[in-house]
Amino acid sequence: MPINRRDLLRTAGTALGASLLLGACGTAGSTAAPVRDAGTATPRRGGTLRAVFTGGGAAESLDPFGGGAPIDYIRNDVIYDSLFILRAGEVVPALATAAESAADARSFVVRLRPDVRWHDGSPFTADDVAYSLRYMSSPDRAFPSQLSAYLDVKAVRVRDARTLEVPTLQPVGDPALFLAAFPGKMVKNGATAFTAGKAIGTGPYRVTAFEPGREARLARFDGHWSGAAPMDELVLIGLADPQAKVNAVATGQADYAGDIPFTTAKTGVPAGLEVRTAGETARTAFGFVLNTSRKPFDDPRVRKAVRLAVDRQALVAAVLLGYGAPGNDLLCAGAKYFSDRAAPARDLDQARRLLREAGAEGARITIRSAEWEIGYNASTQVLAEQLKEIGLDMRPQIVSPAEFYEPKALAEANGVAFTSGPVPPAVMYARLSAIPALAMPGKEFKAALGMGIGATDEAQRAQAWTKLQDIMAEQGNTIVWGQADVLSLARTNVGGIEVRDQPKYPYLGKAGLA
């Protein structure tokens, strides 16, 4: 039965409303800590799994480079495959078995897995990969892959059906990591249309019906190269309201909801449901990125003053409701090469002194925010109050999610609310560096970034990432105040949920009902 969005949205709203609804569904559960490592039971063969994630309305797309909502990532992850994937921070072969870098890191050779088939039964070949790299890099895509900044996709050379050579625009020492971490879904050679009848992938599920902003119905593809999925059907539902996702599971219209409000864990859930956590190593960094292209954050002393002014524990308590831990201003916690060091201690006197030295006392700053994720707006408002204590006149600029990443407005703000999962440093800092309003300046930083991306030697690579994080810890433009638990709501018999690169976007190719 299709989910009734109108009724769910009508009953969604405040945390109190959610608690009343949950209580009405059965005996409320305790408010004990969320369950870790739940859902490990092996799913049975057959049946339908219904999962709900944050939707993007009419903008949702079956084009893997055409939609940017969480539901798009979840859905396209099981329709299309990548050459490599990330699991627990490590690169794992998928459609490719190897990516061998040249000695100068200016090209690499990709070797493909044999006997992979598209949903229509045709073989997957190097021509499909060459076409996919060109397709995903085109500026015509709504969400083009950032691989285009590193790969010379026009010069890709197919050697044979299972081998191709890819030149790079700058040294890339670990190409498999880039192919795993940046959006790199493979589409069929010549594909231009992505409707329910034409969205052909190599993934464990194929599309049978799709209504943007509502739901997608996917049927198991028995010819998947890694083995058939357990479920006959996977139904993916998109809802914009966080409490509506909770209500969908509580009312029996879904089996699993990803990325739920922290209030749900505090309220408790009925018998037969459980709040799950992805664990400490898979938390999401919450914070802000300061715009160094505008005053006063072009001065490293002012950036450091902000870091010293932030009361991290207060933010964790107020915004995350205690479901997390203070951050240390560095992104990529949980990923390989992350520099795990103590969070800066709050020191208002030193912060005020640094502002005086920089001539920035009383400076008016604007931090841009939207409820892109639960907690953005609240944390921005709390930050404004904390920065008043050192003499900064911070004005939160609260906008709608649709407006949030508008490039001109982003460039004019002094900073922006930001979150990131445990992604590799090469990916995270390369992404930030590509956007002037989010980039960290300085020759020393750029040299460390270039070395980290281009090094083929493991020791050199590790040394570069340590150096880069030393720079960020001392004078960086990222304020990571907290590491938030990633919570989901599930029926207790839901198993096989797999965390790959980010727990907010779990992989459902092996998920099902036990």
Protein backbone atom coordinates (compact mmCIF):
# COMPACT_ATOMS: atom_id res chain seq x y z
CA MET A 1 0.00 0.00 0.00
CA PRO A 2 1.52 3.41 -0.95
CA ILE A 3 2.39 5.69 1.94
CA ASN A 4 -0.11 8.46 2.68
CA ARG A 5 2.14 11.53 2.71
CA ARG A 6 -0.71 13.94 3.51
CA ASP A 7 -1.73 12.16 6.71
CA LEU A 8 1.85 11.69 7.89
CA LEU A 9 2.80 15.32 7.29
CA ARG A 10 -0.38 16.48 9.00
CA THR A 11 0.54 14.59 12.18
CA ALA A 12 4.24 15.55 12.03
CA GLY A 13 5.65 18.57 13.82
CA THR A 14 7.04 19.17 17.26
CA ALA A 15 8.84 16.68 19.44
CA LEU A 16 5.80 16.67 21.74
CA GLY A 17 3.55 15.73 18.82
CA ALA A 18 5.87 12.86 17.95
CA SER A 19 5.88 11.56 21.50
CA LEU A 20 2.09 11.57 21.64
CA LEU A 21 1.87 9.69 18.35
CA LEU A 22 4.43 7.11 19.42
CA GLY A 23 2.67 6.64 22.73
CA ALA A 24 -0.62 6.06 20.93
CA CYS A 25 0.93 3.30 18.81
CA GLY A 26 1.72 1.08 21.76
CA THR A 27 3.64 0.95 24.99
CA ALA A 28 6.35 3.59 24.94
CA GLY A 29 9.88 2.28 25.18
CA SER A 30 12.54 3.44 27.58
CA THR A 31 14.84 6.37 26.90
CA ALA A 32 17.95 4.23 27.20
CA ALA A 33 20.90 4.83 24.91
CA PRO A 34 20.36 3.97 21.23
CA VAL A 35 21.27 0.42 20.27
CA ARG A 36 24.67 -0.14 18.66
CA ASP A 37 25.34 -2.91 16.12
CA ALA A 38 21.64 -3.70 15.83
CA GLY A 39 20.14 -5.36 12.79
CA THR A 40 22.87 -7.95 12.39
CA ALA A 41 20.39 -10.78 11.78
CA THR A 42 20.53 -12.28 8.29
CA PRO A 43 17.49 -11.16 6.26
CA ARG A 44 15.20 -13.88 4.99
CA ARG A 45 14.63 -14.42 1.29
CA GLY A 46 11.56 -12.71 -0.18
CA GLY A 47 9.18 -9.97 0.84
CA THR A 48 9.31 -6.18 0.73
CA LEU A 49 11.44 -3.75 2.72
CA ARG A 50 10.05 -0.22 3.03
CA ALA A 51 12.51 2.52 4.01
CA VAL A 52 12.04 6.28 4.34
CA PHE A 53 14.65 9.01 3.96
CA THR A 54 14.73 12.78 3.53
CA GLY A 55 13.26 13.55 0.12
CA GLY A 56 13.82 16.28 -2.42
CA GLY A 57 10.29 16.64 -3.77
CA ALA A 58 9.84 17.10 -7.50
CA ALA A 59 13.61 17.57 -7.93
CA GLU A 60 14.33 13.89 -7.18
CA SER A 61 15.87 12.04 -10.10
CA LEU A 62 16.87 8.59 -11.33
CA ASP A 63 19.86 10.24 -13.01
CA PRO A 64 22.69 9.52 -10.53
CA PHE A 65 24.03 13.02 -11.26
CA GLY A 66 20.66 14.74 -11.32
CA GLY A 67 19.40 14.67 -7.72
CA GLY A 68 20.97 15.87 -4.48
CA ALA A 69 18.60 14.77 -1.71
CA PRO A 70 19.46 11.91 0.67
CA ILE A 71 16.76 9.75 -0.89
CA ASP A 72 18.47 10.20 -4.29
CA TYR A 73 21.78 8.92 -2.89
CA ILE A 74 20.11 5.93 -1.21
CA ARG A 75 18.07 4.97 -4.25
CA ASN A 76 20.79 5.41 -6.85
CA ASP A 77 23.23 3.46 -4.68
CA VAL A 78 21.26 0.27 -5.28
CA ILE A 79 20.41 0.93 -8.94
CA TYR A 80 23.93 1.82 -10.08
CA ASP A 81 27.34 0.57 -8.97
CA SER A 82 30.68 2.35 -8.64
CA LEU A 83 34.12 1.16 -9.65
CA PHE A 84 35.22 1.14 -6.00
CA ILE A 85 33.47 1.73 -2.68
CA LEU A 86 34.56 2.81 0.80
CA ARG A 87 33.94 0.56 3.78
CA ALA A 88 35.16 1.62 7.23
CA GLY A 89 37.45 4.13 5.52
CA GLU A 90 39.14 1.53 3.33
CA VAL A 91 38.82 1.19 -0.45
CA VAL A 92 37.05 -1.98 -1.62
CA PRO A 93 36.90 -3.11 -5.28
CA ALA A 94 33.43 -3.15 -6.87
CA LEU A 95 33.02 -2.98 -10.66
CA ALA A 96 36.79 -2.51 -10.92
CA THR A 97 39.39 -4.85 -9.47
CA ALA A 98 42.33 -2.40 -9.57
CA ALA A 99 43.38 1.17 -10.38
CA GLU A 100 47.14 1.18 -10.99
CA SER A 101 48.82 4.58 -10.84
CA ALA A 102 51.73 5.52 -13.12
CA ALA A 103 55.05 6.33 -11.44
CA ASP A 104 54.47 10.08 -11.88
CA ALA A 105 50.81 9.81 -10.75
CA ARG A 106 49.69 11.58 -13.94
CA SER A 107 47.63 8.64 -15.19
CA PHE A 108 46.27 5.29 -14.04
CA VAL A 109 44.98 2.05 -15.52
CA VAL A 110 41.58 0.68 -14.46
CA ARG A 111 40.97 -3.07 -14.66
CA LEU A 112 37.33 -4.19 -14.62
CA ARG A 113 35.61 -7.15 -13.04
CA PRO A 114 34.58 -9.84 -15.57
CA ASP A 115 31.04 -11.10 -16.16
CA VAL A 116 29.17 -7.99 -14.92
CA ARG A 117 25.79 -7.46 -16.59
CA TRP A 118 23.47 -4.49 -16.95
CA HIS A 119 19.84 -4.90 -15.96
CA ASP A 120 18.97 -5.51 -19.63
CA GLY A 121 21.43 -8.41 -19.78
CA SER A 122 24.13 -6.71 -21.87
CA PRO A 123 27.78 -6.87 -20.68
CA PHE A 124 29.43 -4.06 -18.73
CA THR A 125 32.62 -2.92 -20.54
CA ALA A 126 35.35 -0.29 -20.55
CA ASP A 127 33.34 1.70 -23.12
CA ASP A 128 30.64 2.13 -20.46
CA VAL A 129 33.24 3.46 -18.01
CA ALA A 130 34.68 5.92 -20.52
CA TYR A 131 31.19 7.19 -21.33
CA SER A 132 30.27 7.41 -17.62
CA LEU A 133 33.34 9.53 -16.82
CA ARG A 134 32.43 11.95 -19.60
CA TYR A 135 28.75 12.00 -18.65
CA MET A 136 29.30 12.64 -14.94
CA SER A 137 31.84 15.41 -15.66
CA SER A 138 29.61 17.41 -17.99
CA PRO A 139 28.56 20.86 -16.69
CA ASP A 140 25.10 19.98 -18.03
CA ARG A 141 24.58 17.67 -15.07
CA ALA A 142 22.68 19.09 -12.11
CA PHE A 143 25.27 17.56 -9.77
CA PRO A 144 28.40 16.84 -11.83
CA SER A 145 31.07 14.66 -10.26
CA GLN A 146 34.03 16.50 -8.78
CA LEU A 147 36.25 13.92 -10.44
CA SER A 148 36.25 16.33 -13.38
CA ALA A 149 38.69 18.56 -11.48
CA TYR A 150 41.26 15.76 -11.40
CA LEU A 151 40.69 13.49 -14.39
CA ASP A 152 41.22 14.34 -18.06
CA VAL A 153 38.03 12.57 -19.08
CA LYS A 154 38.25 13.64 -22.73
CA ALA A 155 41.56 11.80 -23.10
CA VAL A 156 40.47 8.47 -21.57
CA ARG A 157 41.71 5.59 -23.75
CA VAL A 158 39.98 2.20 -23.88
CA ARG A 159 42.57 -0.57 -24.26
CA ASP A 160 40.18 -3.50 -24.40
CA ALA A 161 36.78 -4.53 -23.04
CA ARG A 162 38.06 -4.71 -19.46
CA THR A 163 40.90 -2.18 -19.38
CA LEU A 164 41.17 1.58 -19.82
CA GLU A 165 43.78 4.27 -19.20
CA VAL A 166 42.79 7.54 -17.49
CA PRO A 167 45.08 10.62 -17.65
CA THR A 168 44.89 13.07 -14.73
CA LEU A 169 44.97 16.87 -14.65
CA GLN A 170 47.23 16.83 -11.59
CA PRO A 171 49.03 14.05 -9.74
CA VAL A 172 46.62 11.59 -8.11
CA GLY A 173 48.54 9.02 -6.08
CA ASP A 174 45.58 6.92 -4.92
CA PRO A 175 43.08 6.88 -7.82
CA ALA A 176 40.98 4.09 -6.33
CA LEU A 177 40.23 6.32 -3.33
CA PHE A 178 39.05 9.15 -5.57
CA LEU A 179 36.92 6.80 -7.65
CA ALA A 180 35.35 5.45 -4.45
CA ALA A 181 34.78 8.66 -2.56
CA PHE A 182 33.64 11.11 -5.25
CA PRO A 183 30.29 10.51 -6.96
CA GLY A 184 31.16 7.98 -9.65
CA LYS A 185 28.15 5.85 -10.52
CA MET A 186 28.42 3.94 -13.79
CA VAL A 187 25.76 4.49 -16.45
CA LYS A 188 25.35 2.60 -19.70
CA ASN A 189 27.20 3.80 -22.80
CA GLY A 190 24.98 6.31 -24.59
CA ALA A 191 22.42 6.69 -21.78
CA THR A 192 20.66 10.07 -21.80
CA ALA A 193 17.20 9.32 -20.38
CA PHE A 194 16.57 8.15 -16.80
CA THR A 195 12.88 7.35 -16.49
CA ALA A 196 11.51 4.25 -14.78
CA GLY A 197 11.74 2.31 -18.02
CA LYS A 198 15.16 3.60 -19.10
CA ALA A 199 17.18 3.84 -15.87
CA ILE A 200 19.43 0.85 -16.43
CA GLY A 201 22.21 0.06 -13.97
CA THR A 202 24.28 -2.89 -12.76
CA GLY A 203 23.07 -2.62 -9.14
CA PRO A 204 21.19 -5.19 -7.03
CA TYR A 205 17.82 -3.57 -7.79
CA ARG A 206 16.14 -2.35 -10.96
CA VAL A 207 13.43 0.30 -11.22
CA THR A 208 9.81 -0.73 -11.73
CA ALA A 209 8.07 2.54 -10.74
CA PHE A 210 9.17 6.02 -9.73
CA GLU A 211 7.25 9.10 -8.62
CA PRO A 212 9.55 11.99 -7.63
CA GLY A 213 8.79 13.34 -4.18
CA ARG A 214 6.80 10.25 -3.26
CA GLU A 215 8.30 6.79 -3.72
CA ALA A 216 10.32 4.44 -5.90
CA ARG A 217 9.58 0.73 -6.26
CA LEU A 218 12.59 -1.44 -7.06
CA ALA A 219 12.66 -5.15 -7.94
CA ARG A 220 15.56 -7.51 -7.18
CA PHE A 221 18.05 -8.01 -10.02
CA ASP A 222 18.96 -11.69 -9.77
CA GLY A 223 21.99 -11.29 -12.04
CA HIS A 224 23.92 -8.94 -9.75
CA TRP A 225 27.64 -9.66 -9.74
CA SER A 226 27.92 -9.80 -5.92
CA GLY A 227 24.88 -12.02 -5.45
CA ALA A 228 21.15 -11.37 -5.43
CA ALA A 229 19.62 -9.09 -2.78
CA PRO A 230 17.40 -10.82 -0.19
CA MET A 231 14.20 -8.82 -0.79
CA ASP A 232 11.87 -9.30 -3.75
CA GLU A 233 11.12 -5.59 -3.61
CA LEU A 234 12.60 -2.45 -2.06
CA VAL A 235 10.27 0.54 -1.63
CA LEU A 236 12.01 3.84 -0.95
CA ILE A 237 9.89 6.72 0.35
CA GLY A 238 10.93 10.38 0.38
CA LEU A 239 9.62 12.72 3.09
CA ALA A 240 10.87 16.23 3.81
CA ASP A 241 9.76 16.51 7.43
CA PRO A 242 12.00 14.71 9.99
CA GLN A 243 9.09 13.79 12.27
CA ALA A 244 7.11 12.46 9.32
CA LYS A 245 9.88 9.89 8.80
CA VAL A 246 9.52 8.77 12.42
CA ASN A 247 5.74 8.62 12.08
CA ALA A 248 6.02 6.43 8.97
CA VAL A 249 7.73 3.69 10.99
CA ALA A 250 5.60 4.22 14.09
CA THR A 251 2.36 3.81 12.10
CA GLY A 252 3.58 0.74 10.23
CA GLN A 253 3.91 2.34 6.80
CA ALA A 254 7.69 1.84 6.75
CA ASP A 255 10.18 -0.55 8.34
CA TYR A 256 13.17 1.78 8.59
CA ALA A 257 13.81 5.54 8.76
CA GLY A 258 17.26 7.04 8.35
CA ASP A 259 18.65 10.15 10.09
CA ILE A 260 15.94 10.78 12.69
CA PRO A 261 15.68 13.62 15.25
CA PHE A 262 17.53 13.33 18.55
CA THR A 263 14.21 14.00 20.31
CA THR A 264 12.99 10.57 19.22
CA ALA A 265 15.73 8.90 21.24
CA LYS A 266 14.84 11.04 24.25
CA THR A 267 11.12 10.31 23.94
CA GLY A 268 11.38 6.54 23.59
CA VAL A 269 9.69 4.26 21.06
CA PRO A 270 7.00 1.55 21.22
CA ALA A 271 7.76 -2.14 21.58
CA GLY A 272 8.95 -3.73 18.35
CA LEU A 273 10.92 -0.64 17.32
CA GLU A 274 14.42 0.47 18.25
CA VAL A 275 16.50 3.59 17.87
CA ARG A 276 19.89 2.63 16.42
CA THR A 277 23.20 4.43 16.33
CA ALA A 278 25.95 4.04 13.76
CA GLY A 279 28.53 4.30 16.57
CA GLU A 280 31.34 6.62 17.61
CA THR A 281 33.53 6.05 14.55
CA ALA A 282 30.69 6.95 12.18
CA ARG A 283 29.56 10.24 13.69
CA THR A 284 28.80 13.40 11.72
CA ALA A 285 30.91 16.51 12.30
CA PHE A 286 28.77 19.58 13.06
CA GLY A 287 30.25 23.04 12.72
CA PHE A 288 30.91 26.06 10.54
CA VAL A 289 33.24 27.01 7.71
CA LEU A 290 34.53 30.59 7.86
CA ASN A 291 34.91 32.62 4.68
CA THR A 292 38.57 33.68 4.53
CA SER A 293 37.99 35.78 1.42
CA ARG A 294 36.13 38.39 3.51
CA LYS A 295 37.02 40.37 6.60
CA PRO A 296 37.40 39.66 9.46
CA PHE A 297 38.14 35.97 8.82
CA ASP A 298 40.94 36.72 6.39
CA ASP A 299 42.96 37.23 9.59
CA PRO A 300 44.00 33.93 11.27
CA ARG A 301 43.89 35.65 14.67
CA VAL A 302 40.15 36.24 14.32
CA ARG A 303 39.58 32.65 13.22
CA LYS A 304 41.47 31.44 16.28
CA ALA A 305 39.47 33.78 18.51
CA VAL A 306 36.26 32.14 17.34
CA ARG A 307 37.65 28.68 18.03
CA LEU A 308 38.57 29.77 21.57
CA ALA A 309 35.15 31.34 22.16
CA VAL A 310 33.04 28.29 21.30
CA ASP A 311 31.54 26.38 24.21
CA ARG A 312 31.48 22.96 22.59
CA GLN A 313 29.95 21.04 25.47
CA ALA A 314 27.06 23.51 25.68
CA LEU A 315 26.37 23.06 21.97
CA VAL A 316 26.47 19.26 22.27
CA ALA A 317 23.98 19.43 25.14
CA ALA A 318 21.63 21.97 23.55
CA VAL A 319 21.66 20.89 19.90
CA LEU A 320 22.55 17.18 19.98
CA LEU A 321 20.75 16.58 23.30
CA GLY A 322 23.91 14.81 24.44
CA TYR A 323 23.97 12.32 21.55
CA GLY A 324 27.54 13.02 20.52
CA ALA A 325 30.79 14.51 21.76
CA PRO A 326 32.72 17.80 21.43
CA GLY A 327 34.67 18.27 18.20
CA ASN A 328 38.28 19.40 17.76
CA ASP A 329 37.78 21.70 14.72
CA LEU A 330 39.10 19.06 12.30
CA LEU A 331 36.93 17.32 9.72
CA CYS A 332 37.12 13.62 8.75
CA ALA A 333 36.88 12.06 12.22
CA GLY A 334 36.64 8.30 11.80
CA ALA A 335 38.48 8.31 8.47
CA LYS A 336 42.02 7.16 7.76
CA TYR A 337 44.69 9.82 8.48
CA PHE A 338 42.41 11.76 10.87
CA SER A 339 44.47 13.56 13.50
CA ASP A 340 42.75 12.73 16.78
CA ARG A 341 43.73 15.50 19.19
CA ALA A 342 42.07 17.26 22.11
CA ALA A 343 39.43 19.90 21.43
CA PRO A 344 40.60 23.48 22.14
CA ALA A 345 39.76 24.66 25.65
CA ARG A 346 37.46 27.66 25.89
CA ASP A 347 39.47 30.81 26.70
CA LEU A 348 37.46 34.02 26.45
CA ASP A 349 40.29 36.26 27.65
CA GLN A 350 42.69 35.06 24.96
CA ALA A 351 39.91 35.30 22.36
CA ARG A 352 39.24 38.94 23.27
CA ARG A 353 42.97 39.72 23.15
CA LEU A 354 43.30 38.23 19.67
CA LEU A 355 40.35 40.32 18.45
CA ARG A 356 41.96 43.50 19.84
CA GLU A 357 45.27 42.67 18.15
CA ALA A 358 43.45 42.15 14.84
CA GLY A 359 41.39 45.33 15.23
CA ALA A 360 38.20 43.26 14.92
CA GLU A 361 36.42 44.18 18.17
CA GLY A 362 32.73 44.74 17.51
CA ALA A 363 32.94 43.38 13.96
CA ARG A 364 29.59 42.47 12.47
CA ILE A 365 29.55 39.02 10.86
CA THR A 366 26.89 36.97 9.10
CA ILE A 367 26.73 33.18 9.38
CA ARG A 368 24.43 31.54 6.85
CA SER A 369 22.24 28.60 7.88
CA ALA A 370 19.21 26.54 6.89
CA GLU A 371 17.66 23.42 8.37
CA TRP A 372 19.53 21.34 5.79
CA GLU A 373 20.11 18.97 8.67
CA ILE A 374 18.48 19.00 12.07
CA GLY A 375 20.48 21.36 14.29
CA TYR A 376 21.92 23.79 11.75
CA ASN A 377 19.70 26.72 12.77
CA ALA A 378 19.82 26.02 16.50
CA SER A 379 23.62 25.76 16.54
CA THR A 380 23.95 28.99 14.53
CA GLN A 381 21.79 30.84 17.02
CA VAL A 382 23.71 29.44 19.99
CA LEU A 383 27.00 30.42 18.33
CA ALA A 384 25.75 34.00 17.96
CA GLU A 385 25.17 34.20 21.71
CA GLN A 386 28.57 32.72 22.51
CA LEU A 387 30.44 35.10 20.19
CA LYS A 388 28.77 38.10 21.82
CA GLU A 389 30.83 37.25 24.91
CA ILE A 390 34.04 38.17 23.07
CA GLY A 391 32.64 41.23 21.31
CA LEU A 392 31.65 39.90 17.88
CA ASP A 393 28.29 41.03 16.53
CA MET A 394 27.15 37.85 14.80
CA ARG A 395 23.89 37.86 12.83
CA PRO A 396 22.45 34.45 11.87
CA GLN A 397 21.21 34.46 8.27
CA ILE A 398 18.48 31.79 8.29
CA VAL A 399 17.24 30.78 4.84
CA SER A 400 15.33 27.90 3.29
CA PRO A 401 17.16 24.70 2.29
CA ALA A 402 16.50 25.51 -1.37
CA GLU A 403 18.38 28.82 -1.00
CA PHE A 404 21.12 27.59 1.28
CA TYR A 405 23.95 26.88 -1.14
CA GLU A 406 23.23 29.74 -3.56
CA PRO A 407 26.80 30.63 -4.68
CA LYS A 408 26.56 34.44 -4.60
CA ALA A 409 24.93 34.53 -1.16
CA LEU A 410 27.45 32.02 0.16
CA ALA A 411 30.32 34.20 -1.07
CA GLU A 412 28.85 37.28 0.62
CA ALA A 413 28.40 35.62 4.03
CA ASN A 414 31.19 35.44 6.60
CA GLY A 415 30.59 31.78 7.23
CA VAL A 416 28.18 28.89 6.80
CA ALA A 417 26.82 26.03 8.90
CA PHE A 418 28.33 22.74 7.78
CA THR A 419 28.34 19.00 8.44
CA SER A 420 30.48 16.14 7.20
CA GLY A 421 30.73 12.43 7.76
CA PRO A 422 33.92 10.35 8.16
CA VAL A 423 35.14 10.96 4.61
CA PRO A 424 38.86 10.82 3.69
CA PRO A 425 40.88 14.07 4.01
CA ALA A 426 41.73 14.00 0.30
CA VAL A 427 38.06 14.19 -0.56
CA MET A 428 36.90 16.66 2.08
CA TYR A 429 39.65 19.25 1.73
CA ALA A 430 39.65 18.98 -2.05
CA ARG A 431 35.92 19.72 -2.06
CA LEU A 432 36.26 22.73 0.22
CA SER A 433 39.22 24.06 -1.75
CA ALA A 434 37.13 24.04 -4.93
CA ILE A 435 34.71 26.63 -3.46
CA PRO A 436 36.29 30.08 -2.83
CA ALA A 437 33.94 30.90 0.06
CA LEU A 438 34.94 27.67 1.86
CA ALA A 439 38.60 27.37 0.86
CA MET A 440 41.54 27.58 3.25
CA PRO A 441 44.20 30.00 1.90
CA GLY A 442 47.98 29.85 2.09
CA LYS A 443 50.86 28.30 0.18
CA GLU A 444 51.70 25.95 3.04
CA PHE A 445 48.16 24.54 3.12
CA LYS A 446 47.98 24.15 -0.66
CA ALA A 447 51.36 22.39 -0.73
CA ALA A 448 50.23 19.89 1.91
CA LEU A 449 46.95 19.29 0.06
CA GLY A 450 48.75 18.72 -3.23
CA MET A 451 51.19 16.31 -1.61
CA GLY A 452 48.42 14.39 0.13
CA ILE A 453 46.49 13.93 -3.10
CA GLY A 454 49.48 13.27 -5.35
CA ALA A 455 51.76 11.10 -3.20
CA THR A 456 52.09 7.47 -4.26
CA ASP A 457 54.17 6.61 -1.18
CA GLU A 458 52.11 5.81 1.92
CA ALA A 459 54.56 7.47 4.35
CA GLN A 460 54.61 10.70 2.32
CA ARG A 461 50.84 10.68 2.10
CA ALA A 462 50.40 10.26 5.86
CA GLN A 463 52.97 12.97 6.53
CA ALA A 464 51.14 15.39 4.22
CA TRP A 465 47.78 14.86 5.92
CA THR A 466 49.33 15.32 9.36
CA LYS A 467 50.90 18.59 8.19
CA LEU A 468 47.63 19.82 6.69
CA GLN A 469 45.74 19.11 9.91
CA ASP A 470 48.45 20.84 11.96
CA ILE A 471 47.80 23.95 9.85
CA MET A 472 44.03 23.63 10.24
CA ALA A 473 44.27 23.16 14.01
CA GLU A 474 46.34 26.33 14.42
CA GLN A 475 44.89 28.72 11.85
CA GLY A 476 42.15 26.85 9.98
CA ASN A 477 38.72 28.07 8.91
CA THR A 478 36.68 25.07 10.11
CA ILE A 479 34.96 25.20 13.50
CA VAL A 480 33.89 21.64 14.34
CA TRP A 481 32.08 22.01 17.65
CA GLY A 482 30.57 18.53 17.83
CA GLN A 483 30.59 14.96 16.55
CA ALA A 484 26.94 13.87 16.36
CA ASP A 485 25.61 10.35 16.62
CA VAL A 486 23.74 9.26 13.48
CA LEU A 487 20.43 7.80 14.61
CA SER A 488 17.89 5.69 12.74
CA LEU A 489 14.57 4.10 13.65
CA ALA A 490 13.88 0.48 12.70
CA ARG A 491 11.68 -2.46 13.36
CA THR A 492 13.71 -4.94 15.35
CA ASN A 493 13.62 -7.49 12.52
CA VAL A 494 15.32 -5.18 9.98
CA GLY A 495 18.81 -6.47 9.21
CA GLY A 496 21.61 -6.13 6.70
CA ILE A 497 21.88 -2.32 6.79
CA GLU A 498 25.43 -1.54 5.67
CA VAL A 499 27.41 1.62 6.40
CA ARG A 500 29.86 2.49 3.66
CA ASP A 501 31.32 5.98 3.42
CA GLN A 502 28.66 7.88 5.43
CA PRO A 503 26.05 6.44 7.83
CA LYS A 504 23.47 9.04 6.83
CA TYR A 505 23.35 7.30 3.46
CA PRO A 506 23.37 3.56 4.29
CA TYR A 507 23.62 0.89 1.62
CA LEU A 508 20.46 -1.24 1.32
CA GLY A 509 21.64 -3.74 -1.28
CA LYS A 510 21.85 -6.51 1.36
CA ALA A 511 19.14 -5.22 3.71
CA GLY A 512 15.88 -6.96 4.49
CA LEU A 513 13.57 -8.45 7.09
CA ALA A 514 14.80 -11.29 9.31
